Amino acid sequence: MAYEPCQEALATLYTYLDGELTPDKRARVQQHLDDCGPCFEAFGFEAELKSVIARKCQEQVPASLRERVAEALRAEGAST
């Protein structure tokens, strides 16, 4: 039955995509993805979604906002 390997693979979805698995665990998940079409599709969708979000969230913060945040942090640090 493929249920348990699928459950394990899907449970590690984000740690796999973020490269946070041990080499052994990554190899096991990769082998499962190579053999399991439904899990491969789920990982593919999530990888593409993560990529789109990363591309769209690269706007530069205005200098005035950065300075206001830094000022607020300095003020907070001074009051503690």
C-alpha atoms as a PDB file:
ATOM      1  CA  MET A   1       0.000   0.000   0.000  1.00  0.00           C
ATOM      2  CA  ALA A   2       1.423   3.416  -1.006  1.00  0.00           C
ATOM      3  CA  TYR A   3      -0.547   5.413   1.549  1.00  0.00           C
ATOM      4  CA  GLU A   4       2.181   5.618   4.219  1.00  0.00           C
ATOM      5  CA  PRO A   5       4.979   6.782   1.858  1.00  0.00           C
ATOM      6  CA  CYS A   6       2.594   9.342   0.336  1.00  0.00           C
ATOM      7  CA  GLN A   7       1.634  10.602   3.774  1.00  0.00           C
ATOM      8  CA  GLU A   8       5.308  10.925   4.731  1.00  0.00           C
ATOM      9  CA  ALA A   9       6.200  12.675   1.479  1.00  0.00           C
ATOM     10  CA  LEU A  10       3.340  15.162   1.752  1.00  0.00           C
ATOM     11  CA  ALA A  11       4.114  15.817   5.430  1.00  0.00           C
ATOM     12  CA  THR A  12       7.627  16.927   4.417  1.00  0.00           C
ATOM     13  CA  LEU A  13       6.448  19.068   1.512  1.00  0.00           C
ATOM     14  CA  TYR A  14       7.690  22.444   2.729  1.00  0.00           C
ATOM     15  CA  THR A  15      10.850  21.200   4.425  1.00  0.00           C
ATOM     16  CA  TYR A  16      11.714  19.402   1.174  1.00  0.00           C
ATOM     17  CA  LEU A  17      11.092  22.514  -0.929  1.00  0.00           C
ATOM     18  CA  ASP A  18      13.097  24.660   1.507  1.00  0.00           C
ATOM     19  CA  GLY A  19      16.042  22.226   1.432  1.00  0.00           C
ATOM     20  CA  GLU A  20      15.769  21.550   5.163  1.00  0.00           C
ATOM     21  CA  LEU A  21      15.811  17.733   5.083  1.00  0.00           C
ATOM     22  CA  THR A  22      18.789  15.535   5.820  1.00  0.00           C
ATOM     23  CA  PRO A  23      20.381  14.088   2.665  1.00  0.00           C
ATOM     24  CA  ASP A  24      19.004  10.620   3.508  1.00  0.00           C
ATOM     25  CA  LYS A  25      15.456  11.861   4.078  1.00  0.00           C
ATOM     26  CA  ARG A  26      15.640  14.039   0.943  1.00  0.00           C
ATOM     27  CA  ALA A  27      16.747  11.028  -1.121  1.00  0.00           C
ATOM     28  CA  ARG A  28      13.847   8.922   0.220  1.00  0.00           C
ATOM     29  CA  VAL A  29      11.321  11.640  -0.587  1.00  0.00           C
ATOM     30  CA  GLN A  30      12.859  12.190  -4.042  1.00  0.00           C
ATOM     31  CA  GLN A  31      12.640   8.443  -4.762  1.00  0.00           C
ATOM     32  CA  HIS A  32       8.988   8.479  -3.760  1.00  0.00           C
ATOM     33  CA  LEU A  33       8.308  11.484  -5.993  1.00  0.00           C
ATOM     34  CA  ASP A  34       9.999   9.730  -8.893  1.00  0.00           C
ATOM     35  CA  ASP A  35       7.662   6.760  -8.408  1.00  0.00           C
ATOM     36  CA  CYS A  36       4.385   8.455  -7.427  1.00  0.00           C
ATOM     37  CA  GLY A  37       2.624  10.684  -9.945  1.00  0.00           C
ATOM     38  CA  PRO A  38       0.032  12.189  -7.568  1.00  0.00           C
ATOM     39  CA  CYS A  39       2.673  13.212  -5.013  1.00  0.00           C
ATOM     40  CA  PHE A  40       4.923  14.533  -7.781  1.00  0.00           C
ATOM     41  CA  GLU A  41       2.039  16.715  -9.019  1.00  0.00           C
ATOM     42  CA  ALA A  42       1.350  18.012  -5.503  1.00  0.00           C
ATOM     43  CA  PHE A  43       5.011  18.903  -5.026  1.00  0.00           C
ATOM     44  CA  GLY A  44       5.140  20.491  -8.473  1.00  0.00           C
ATOM     45  CA  PHE A  45       2.151  22.692  -7.710  1.00  0.00           C
ATOM     46  CA  GLU A  46       3.558  23.805  -4.358  1.00  0.00           C
ATOM     47  CA  ALA A  47       7.014  24.444  -5.858  1.00  0.00           C
ATOM     48  CA  GLU A  48       5.484  26.623  -8.577  1.00  0.00           C
ATOM     49  CA  LEU A  49       3.324  28.467  -6.040  1.00  0.00           C
ATOM     50  CA  LYS A  50       6.356  29.131  -3.856  1.00  0.00           C
ATOM     51  CA  SER A  51       8.276  30.386  -6.887  1.00  0.00           C
ATOM     52  CA  VAL A  52       5.487  32.761  -7.946  1.00  0.00           C
ATOM     53  CA  ILE A  53       5.173  34.159  -4.435  1.00  0.00           C
ATOM     54  CA  ALA A  54       8.938  34.675  -4.210  1.00  0.00           C
ATOM     55  CA  ARG A  55       8.980  36.533  -7.546  1.00  0.00           C
ATOM     56  CA  LYS A  56       5.996  38.719  -6.699  1.00  0.00           C
ATOM     57  CA  CYS A  57       7.199  39.631  -3.199  1.00  0.00           C
ATOM     58  CA  GLN A  58      10.443  41.282  -4.222  1.00  0.00           C
ATOM     59  CA  GLU A  59       9.242  44.865  -4.263  1.00  0.00           C
ATOM     60  CA  GLN A  60      11.624  47.350  -2.723  1.00  0.00           C
ATOM     61  CA  VAL A  61      10.536  48.956   0.515  1.00  0.00           C
ATOM     62  CA  PRO A  62      10.559  52.749   0.275  1.00  0.00           C
ATOM     63  CA  ALA A  63      13.470  54.351   2.129  1.00  0.00           C
ATOM     64  CA  SER A  64      11.074  56.459   4.196  1.00  0.00           C
ATOM     65  CA  LEU A  65       9.313  53.323   5.485  1.00  0.00           C
ATOM     66  CA  ARG A  66      12.622  51.604   6.283  1.00  0.00           C
ATOM     67  CA  GLU A  67      13.705  54.667   8.280  1.00  0.00           C
ATOM     68  CA  ARG A  68      10.401  54.829  10.190  1.00  0.00           C
ATOM     69  CA  VAL A  69      10.671  51.144  11.107  1.00  0.00           C
ATOM     70  CA  ALA A  70      14.319  51.549  12.175  1.00  0.00           C
ATOM     71  CA  GLU A  71      13.340  54.603  14.234  1.00  0.00           C
ATOM     72  CA  ALA A  72      10.509  52.704  15.927  1.00  0.00           C
ATOM     73  CA  LEU A  73      12.857  49.818  16.720  1.00  0.00           C
ATOM     74  CA  ARG A  74      15.437  52.185  18.194  1.00  0.00           C
ATOM     75  CA  ALA A  75      12.766  53.873  20.300  1.00  0.00           C
ATOM     76  CA  GLU A  76      11.470  50.516  21.510  1.00  0.00           C
ATOM     77  CA  GLY A  77      14.993  49.399  22.376  1.00  0.00           C
ATOM     78  CA  ALA A  78      15.640  52.591  24.308  1.00  0.00           C
ATOM     79  CA  SER A  79      12.459  52.177  26.377  1.00  0.00           C
ATOM     80  CA  THR A  80      13.291  48.672  27.603  1.00  0.00           C
END
